[in-house]
Amino acid sequence: MQRFAVLGAGAWGSTFAKVLADAGREVKLWARRTSQVDRINATGRNEEYLPGIELGENVTATDDLDEALTDSQAVALAVPSQSLRENLTVFRQVLPGAGPVISLAKGVEVGTGLRMSELIAGVGRIAPERIVVLSGPNLAAEIAAGQPTATVLACTDHAAAVAVQLACAGGYFRPYTITDVIGTEIAGTTKNIIALATGIAEGLGLGLNTSASLIARGLNEMTGLGVALGASAQTFAGLAGLGDLVATCSSPLSRNRSLGVLLGKGQSLQQATETTGALAEGVVSCRSTRDLAHRHGISMPITEAVFAVCHQHAAPEQMIRSLMDRPPTPE
């Protein structure tokens, strides 16, 4: 595959466009705003989201969906998870009838509990075997700077995942393939919630023991939910699970961790969101993931505690108390 369309020109969409371009592919990067498109084409950069980063000569921006998708052999969807449904109602009219559709969004839709691949299949009218989910320790700013990382491409049709793998592999971007779409998506969603928790703990002035405990028990939570939904436990020990979890919980580049730190220091959710410049995905995901866990009878105490802080006005200190005061159990 040589020609790609990336729909969504935020930080991650622009970064993946650069990854593809650096791997020698031709990329059409679609953005809604004509002003953004003009700046990208004039400068070769998306300064609004990736300041100082050259996207590469093979990246051309456009605000015309038809132009972006003409002759494309694969499409990457890089719009936020909670607006994916709305976007798909437009995209489905023009998406190609063949070739991989790569999901870059991480989340579970509020209200329906649908994973992103389920939304793409249902609303986008894309056959599940065409949907390739990309996830892993993929902090956009580091990848855009050419720092080495590994990632996972998950698809029920292994050949489709391999085709994308061969198209985007490069000197700093090493993709692996698996067939566990459910596990990859649940891991990508829940790690944001655990990152909020570790950020809150840091904001409270707590140390590495607390963070390590939250990461380990968070891994247990995400594995339990994933397995209940049909995922493989092995997925959560790999890049999509532990790898992404460690990166998101540890890096100051993580919006979820950073927002959690501000909450732990006493800012309200509104204040913290204004400080970080956008609502962190984990704030939304803790609601939808909590609902999903309730439907399947899965205990997720860290998720419950983060939900209480974000949506029930619980004090950050209460998050820690609610976890430490639980009845003793086997690990």
Protein backbone atom coordinates (compact mmCIF):
# COMPACT_ATOMS: atom_id res chain seq x y z
CA MET A 1 0.00 0.00 0.00
CA GLN A 2 1.35 3.36 -1.06
CA ARG A 3 -1.47 5.93 -0.77
CA PHE A 4 -3.08 6.75 2.59
CA ALA A 5 -5.73 9.17 3.81
CA VAL A 6 -5.59 10.37 7.42
CA LEU A 7 -8.87 11.93 8.55
CA GLY A 8 -8.17 14.25 11.45
CA ALA A 9 -5.25 16.67 11.75
CA GLY A 10 -4.77 16.85 15.51
CA ALA A 11 -1.54 15.80 17.21
CA TRP A 12 -1.96 12.06 16.73
CA GLY A 13 -3.37 12.22 13.21
CA SER A 14 -0.57 14.53 12.11
CA THR A 15 2.01 12.31 13.81
CA PHE A 16 0.72 9.18 12.08
CA ALA A 17 0.75 11.04 8.78
CA LYS A 18 4.43 11.83 9.40
CA VAL A 19 5.12 8.18 10.30
CA LEU A 20 3.59 7.06 7.01
CA ALA A 21 5.45 9.74 5.05
CA ASP A 22 8.76 8.81 6.65
CA ALA A 23 8.05 5.20 5.65
CA GLY A 24 7.80 6.38 2.05
CA ARG A 25 4.00 6.56 1.67
CA GLU A 26 1.94 9.32 0.07
CA VAL A 27 -0.45 10.87 2.58
CA LYS A 28 -3.49 13.13 2.28
CA LEU A 29 -4.18 14.70 5.68
CA TRP A 30 -7.76 15.91 6.04
CA ALA A 31 -8.67 18.79 8.35
CA ARG A 32 -11.93 20.66 8.79
CA ARG A 33 -10.48 24.17 8.85
CA THR A 34 -9.25 25.70 5.62
CA SER A 35 -6.90 27.98 7.58
CA GLN A 36 -5.18 24.98 9.14
CA VAL A 37 -4.88 23.26 5.76
CA ASP A 38 -3.35 26.37 4.19
CA ARG A 39 -0.77 26.69 6.99
CA ILE A 40 0.24 23.03 6.77
CA ASN A 41 0.68 23.19 3.00
CA ALA A 42 2.56 26.49 3.16
CA THR A 43 4.99 25.52 5.92
CA GLY A 44 5.07 21.71 5.94
CA ARG A 45 4.21 21.85 9.64
CA ASN A 46 1.16 21.65 11.87
CA GLU A 47 2.37 24.21 14.38
CA GLU A 48 -0.91 24.22 16.29
CA TYR A 49 -0.46 20.62 17.42
CA LEU A 50 3.16 19.66 16.63
CA PRO A 51 5.25 22.82 16.87
CA GLY A 52 8.59 22.65 15.14
CA ILE A 53 7.96 19.28 13.47
CA GLU A 54 8.36 18.81 9.72
CA LEU A 55 5.61 16.49 8.47
CA GLY A 56 7.49 15.57 5.31
CA GLU A 57 7.15 16.28 1.61
CA ASN A 58 4.82 13.32 1.13
CA VAL A 59 2.09 14.87 3.33
CA THR A 60 -0.49 17.11 1.65
CA ALA A 61 -3.32 18.64 3.67
CA THR A 62 -6.85 19.17 2.37
CA ASP A 63 -10.27 20.12 3.69
CA ASP A 64 -12.00 18.22 0.85
CA LEU A 65 -12.98 14.67 1.87
CA ASP A 66 -13.32 13.51 -1.72
CA GLU A 67 -9.84 14.78 -2.52
CA ALA A 68 -8.40 13.12 0.60
CA LEU A 69 -9.93 9.75 -0.25
CA THR A 70 -9.41 9.69 -4.01
CA ASP A 71 -7.21 6.69 -4.91
CA SER A 72 -6.46 5.99 -1.21
CA GLN A 73 -5.60 2.38 -0.46
CA ALA A 74 -6.10 2.71 3.30
CA VAL A 75 -7.75 5.24 5.61
CA ALA A 76 -6.79 6.21 9.17
CA LEU A 77 -9.50 7.70 11.41
CA ALA A 78 -7.92 10.20 13.82
CA VAL A 79 -10.92 12.04 15.26
CA PRO A 80 -11.75 12.04 19.01
CA SER A 81 -13.58 8.96 20.29
CA GLN A 82 -16.69 10.75 21.52
CA SER A 83 -17.18 12.54 18.18
CA LEU A 84 -16.42 9.49 16.05
CA ARG A 85 -20.11 8.58 15.58
CA GLU A 86 -20.94 12.05 14.28
CA ASN A 87 -17.97 12.03 11.92
CA LEU A 88 -18.74 8.54 10.64
CA THR A 89 -22.17 9.62 9.48
CA VAL A 90 -20.32 11.90 7.05
CA PHE A 91 -17.31 9.69 6.31
CA ARG A 92 -19.36 6.60 5.44
CA GLN A 93 -20.72 8.31 2.34
CA VAL A 94 -17.27 8.52 0.81
CA LEU A 95 -15.06 5.87 2.47
CA PRO A 96 -13.53 3.40 0.01
CA GLY A 97 -15.28 0.06 -0.38
CA ALA A 98 -12.07 -1.89 0.14
CA GLY A 99 -8.79 -1.66 2.02
CA PRO A 100 -7.92 -1.27 5.71
CA VAL A 101 -9.60 1.33 7.91
CA ILE A 102 -7.20 2.16 10.75
CA SER A 103 -8.66 3.28 14.07
CA LEU A 104 -6.44 5.70 16.01
CA ALA A 105 -9.06 6.74 18.60
CA LYS A 106 -9.09 5.25 22.09
CA GLY A 107 -12.26 5.09 24.12
CA VAL A 108 -15.67 3.57 24.79
CA GLU A 109 -18.69 5.55 23.62
CA VAL A 110 -20.73 7.07 26.44
CA GLY A 111 -24.26 5.68 26.58
CA THR A 112 -23.81 2.74 24.23
CA GLY A 113 -20.64 1.19 25.68
CA LEU A 114 -19.42 0.53 22.14
CA ARG A 115 -15.74 0.24 21.38
CA MET A 116 -14.39 2.31 18.50
CA SER A 117 -14.14 -0.67 16.11
CA GLU A 118 -17.78 -1.49 16.85
CA LEU A 119 -18.74 2.09 16.00
CA ILE A 120 -16.74 1.98 12.78
CA ALA A 121 -18.37 -1.30 11.78
CA GLY A 122 -21.90 -0.27 12.70
CA VAL A 123 -22.11 3.43 11.93
CA GLY A 124 -19.39 3.50 9.28
CA ARG A 125 -20.68 0.32 7.60
CA ILE A 126 -17.19 -1.16 7.45
CA ALA A 127 -16.68 -4.93 7.58
CA PRO A 128 -14.93 -5.84 10.88
CA GLU A 129 -12.16 -7.69 9.07
CA ARG A 130 -11.12 -4.40 7.43
CA ILE A 131 -10.75 -2.53 10.74
CA VAL A 132 -7.20 -2.31 12.11
CA VAL A 133 -6.78 -0.86 15.62
CA LEU A 134 -3.50 0.90 16.39
CA SER A 135 -2.49 1.20 20.04
CA GLY A 136 0.53 1.12 22.33
CA PRO A 137 2.98 3.43 24.11
CA ASN A 138 2.51 6.12 21.47
CA LEU A 139 2.95 9.61 22.93
CA ALA A 140 2.54 11.75 19.83
CA ALA A 141 5.20 14.36 20.62
CA GLU A 142 7.91 11.73 21.13
CA ILE A 143 7.07 9.86 17.93
CA ALA A 144 6.89 13.08 15.93
CA ALA A 145 10.40 13.87 17.18
CA GLY A 146 11.60 10.53 15.81
CA GLN A 147 12.09 8.81 19.15
CA PRO A 148 11.85 5.00 18.88
CA THR A 149 8.65 3.27 19.91
CA ALA A 150 6.81 0.02 19.34
CA THR A 151 3.09 -0.31 18.73
CA VAL A 152 0.37 -2.87 18.10
CA LEU A 153 -1.86 -3.29 15.05
CA ALA A 154 -4.86 -5.45 15.90
CA CYS A 155 -7.27 -6.89 13.33
CA THR A 156 -9.41 -10.02 13.15
CA ASP A 157 -7.93 -10.50 9.67
CA HIS A 158 -4.24 -10.90 10.35
CA ALA A 159 -3.33 -10.23 6.73
CA ALA A 160 -4.87 -6.74 6.94
CA ALA A 161 -2.81 -5.96 10.04
CA VAL A 162 0.34 -7.17 8.30
CA ALA A 163 -0.38 -4.99 5.27
CA VAL A 164 -0.59 -1.89 7.48
CA GLN A 165 2.47 -3.04 9.43
CA LEU A 166 4.58 -3.19 6.28
CA ALA A 167 3.32 0.23 5.18
CA CYS A 168 4.11 2.16 8.37
CA ALA A 169 7.21 0.44 9.79
CA GLY A 170 10.28 2.63 9.90
CA GLY A 171 13.47 3.46 11.72
CA TYR A 172 11.70 4.82 14.81
CA PHE A 173 8.28 3.14 14.53
CA ARG A 174 8.11 -0.63 15.03
CA PRO A 175 4.62 -2.17 14.75
CA TYR A 176 3.65 -5.67 15.88
CA THR A 177 0.47 -7.50 14.84
CA ILE A 178 -2.15 -9.35 16.86
CA THR A 179 -5.75 -10.44 16.28
CA ASP A 180 -7.15 -9.42 19.69
CA VAL A 181 -9.11 -6.28 18.80
CA ILE A 182 -11.17 -6.35 22.01
CA GLY A 183 -8.16 -6.49 24.32
CA THR A 184 -6.30 -3.80 22.39
CA GLU A 185 -9.24 -1.39 22.60
CA ILE A 186 -10.09 -2.05 26.26
CA ALA A 187 -6.44 -1.54 27.20
CA GLY A 188 -6.27 1.71 25.22
CA THR A 189 -9.36 3.01 26.99
CA THR A 190 -8.70 2.01 30.58
CA LYS A 191 -5.06 3.12 30.68
CA ASN A 192 -6.26 6.73 30.53
CA ILE A 193 -8.33 6.19 33.67
CA ILE A 194 -5.40 4.71 35.56
CA ALA A 195 -3.20 7.60 34.39
CA LEU A 196 -5.70 10.01 35.93
CA ALA A 197 -5.45 8.07 39.20
CA THR A 198 -1.63 8.11 39.24
CA GLY A 199 -1.68 11.83 38.43
CA ILE A 200 -4.08 12.51 41.30
CA ALA A 201 -1.80 10.57 43.64
CA GLU A 202 1.21 12.60 42.48
CA GLY A 203 -0.73 15.83 42.95
CA LEU A 204 -1.47 14.74 46.52
CA GLY A 205 2.28 14.45 47.11
CA LEU A 206 2.34 10.65 47.23
CA GLY A 207 5.35 8.68 46.04
CA LEU A 208 6.37 5.85 43.73
CA ASN A 209 4.97 3.09 45.91
CA THR A 210 1.51 4.54 45.43
CA SER A 211 1.98 5.03 41.69
CA ALA A 212 3.36 1.53 41.21
CA SER A 213 0.46 0.08 43.20
CA LEU A 214 -2.07 1.95 41.07
CA ILE A 215 -0.39 0.84 37.85
CA ALA A 216 -0.26 -2.81 38.92
CA ARG A 217 -3.82 -2.91 40.24
CA GLY A 218 -4.96 -0.89 37.23
CA LEU A 219 -3.48 -3.54 34.97
CA ASN A 220 -5.50 -6.09 36.91
CA GLU A 221 -8.68 -4.04 36.40
CA MET A 222 -8.24 -3.63 32.67
CA THR A 223 -7.39 -7.32 32.25
CA GLY A 224 -10.47 -8.41 34.18
CA LEU A 225 -12.80 -6.29 32.08
CA GLY A 226 -11.13 -7.28 28.83
CA VAL A 227 -11.26 -11.01 29.53
CA ALA A 228 -14.93 -10.73 30.50
CA LEU A 229 -15.57 -9.17 27.09
CA GLY A 230 -13.71 -11.91 25.24
CA ALA A 231 -10.14 -10.59 25.12
CA SER A 232 -6.96 -12.54 25.70
CA ALA A 233 -5.23 -11.88 29.03
CA GLN A 234 -1.89 -12.01 27.17
CA THR A 235 -2.71 -8.80 25.32
CA PHE A 236 -2.65 -6.83 28.58
CA ALA A 237 0.90 -7.96 29.33
CA GLY A 238 2.10 -6.56 26.00
CA LEU A 239 2.49 -3.21 24.27
CA ALA A 240 -1.22 -2.39 24.08
CA GLY A 241 -1.64 -3.11 27.78
CA LEU A 242 1.36 -2.72 30.07
CA GLY A 243 3.40 -0.74 27.55
CA ASP A 244 0.77 1.93 26.97
CA LEU A 245 -0.18 1.95 30.65
CA VAL A 246 3.37 2.69 31.84
CA ALA A 247 3.90 5.44 29.26
CA THR A 248 0.58 7.17 29.96
CA CYS A 249 0.94 6.95 33.74
CA SER A 250 4.55 8.13 33.78
CA SER A 251 5.00 10.85 31.18
CA PRO A 252 4.37 14.57 31.72
CA LEU A 253 3.31 14.53 28.04
CA SER A 254 0.26 12.50 29.05
CA ARG A 255 -2.77 14.79 29.21
CA ASN A 256 -4.56 12.36 31.52
CA ARG A 257 -1.71 12.18 34.02
CA SER A 258 -1.21 15.95 33.87
CA LEU A 259 -4.87 16.67 34.50
CA GLY A 260 -4.85 14.20 37.39
CA VAL A 261 -1.93 16.03 38.98
CA LEU A 262 -3.92 19.27 38.90
CA LEU A 263 -6.96 17.57 40.43
CA GLY A 264 -4.75 16.18 43.18
CA LYS A 265 -3.45 19.66 43.89
CA GLY A 266 -6.98 20.91 44.47
CA GLN A 267 -8.08 22.33 41.14
CA SER A 268 -11.64 21.67 40.03
CA LEU A 269 -12.22 19.63 36.89
CA GLN A 270 -13.11 22.80 35.02
CA GLN A 271 -9.97 24.60 36.21
CA ALA A 272 -7.75 21.64 35.40
CA THR A 273 -9.28 21.30 31.94
CA GLU A 274 -8.71 24.99 31.24
CA THR A 275 -5.10 24.67 32.40
CA THR A 276 -4.34 21.65 30.19
CA GLY A 277 -6.26 23.13 27.27
CA ALA A 278 -8.59 20.18 26.62
CA LEU A 279 -10.66 17.57 28.41
CA ALA A 280 -8.57 14.45 29.01
CA GLU A 281 -10.01 11.28 27.50
CA GLY A 282 -9.97 9.46 30.84
CA VAL A 283 -12.54 11.88 32.27
CA VAL A 284 -15.06 10.67 29.72
CA SER A 285 -13.83 7.08 29.65
CA CYS A 286 -14.18 6.57 33.39
CA ARG A 287 -17.93 7.05 32.96
CA SER A 288 -18.39 4.79 29.93
CA THR A 289 -15.97 2.14 31.23
CA ARG A 290 -17.65 2.14 34.65
CA ASP A 291 -21.02 1.59 32.97
CA LEU A 292 -19.57 -1.24 30.89
CA ALA A 293 -18.10 -2.90 33.98
CA HIS A 294 -21.44 -2.68 35.79
CA ARG A 295 -23.20 -4.36 32.86
CA HIS A 296 -20.80 -7.28 33.04
CA GLY A 297 -20.48 -7.50 36.82
CA ILE A 298 -16.77 -6.61 36.89
CA SER A 299 -15.27 -4.88 39.93
CA MET A 300 -13.11 -1.87 38.97
CA PRO A 301 -12.40 0.05 42.19
CA ILE A 302 -9.82 2.46 40.70
CA THR A 303 -12.21 3.34 37.90
CA GLU A 304 -14.99 3.86 40.47
CA ALA A 305 -12.75 6.12 42.54
CA VAL A 306 -11.69 8.22 39.54
CA PHE A 307 -15.32 8.52 38.47
CA ALA A 308 -16.20 9.76 41.95
CA VAL A 309 -13.54 12.49 41.77
CA CYS A 310 -14.38 13.58 38.23
CA HIS A 311 -18.17 13.32 38.26
CA GLN A 312 -19.37 13.15 41.86
CA HIS A 313 -17.21 15.92 43.36
CA ALA A 314 -15.35 13.54 45.69
CA ALA A 315 -12.18 14.96 47.19
CA PRO A 316 -8.97 13.52 45.71
CA GLU A 317 -7.99 12.27 49.17
CA GLN A 318 -11.17 10.23 49.15
CA MET A 319 -9.94 8.34 46.09
CA ILE A 320 -7.01 6.98 48.08
CA ARG A 321 -9.11 6.26 51.18
CA SER A 322 -11.73 4.38 49.18
CA LEU A 323 -9.03 2.11 47.75
CA MET A 324 -7.11 1.55 50.98
CA ASP A 325 -10.22 0.90 53.08
CA ARG A 326 -11.56 -1.91 50.88
CA PRO A 327 -11.85 -5.34 52.56
CA PRO A 328 -8.73 -7.47 52.25
CA THR A 329 -8.74 -9.87 49.25
CA PRO A 330 -6.35 -12.24 47.49
CA GLU A 331 -4.32 -10.62 44.73
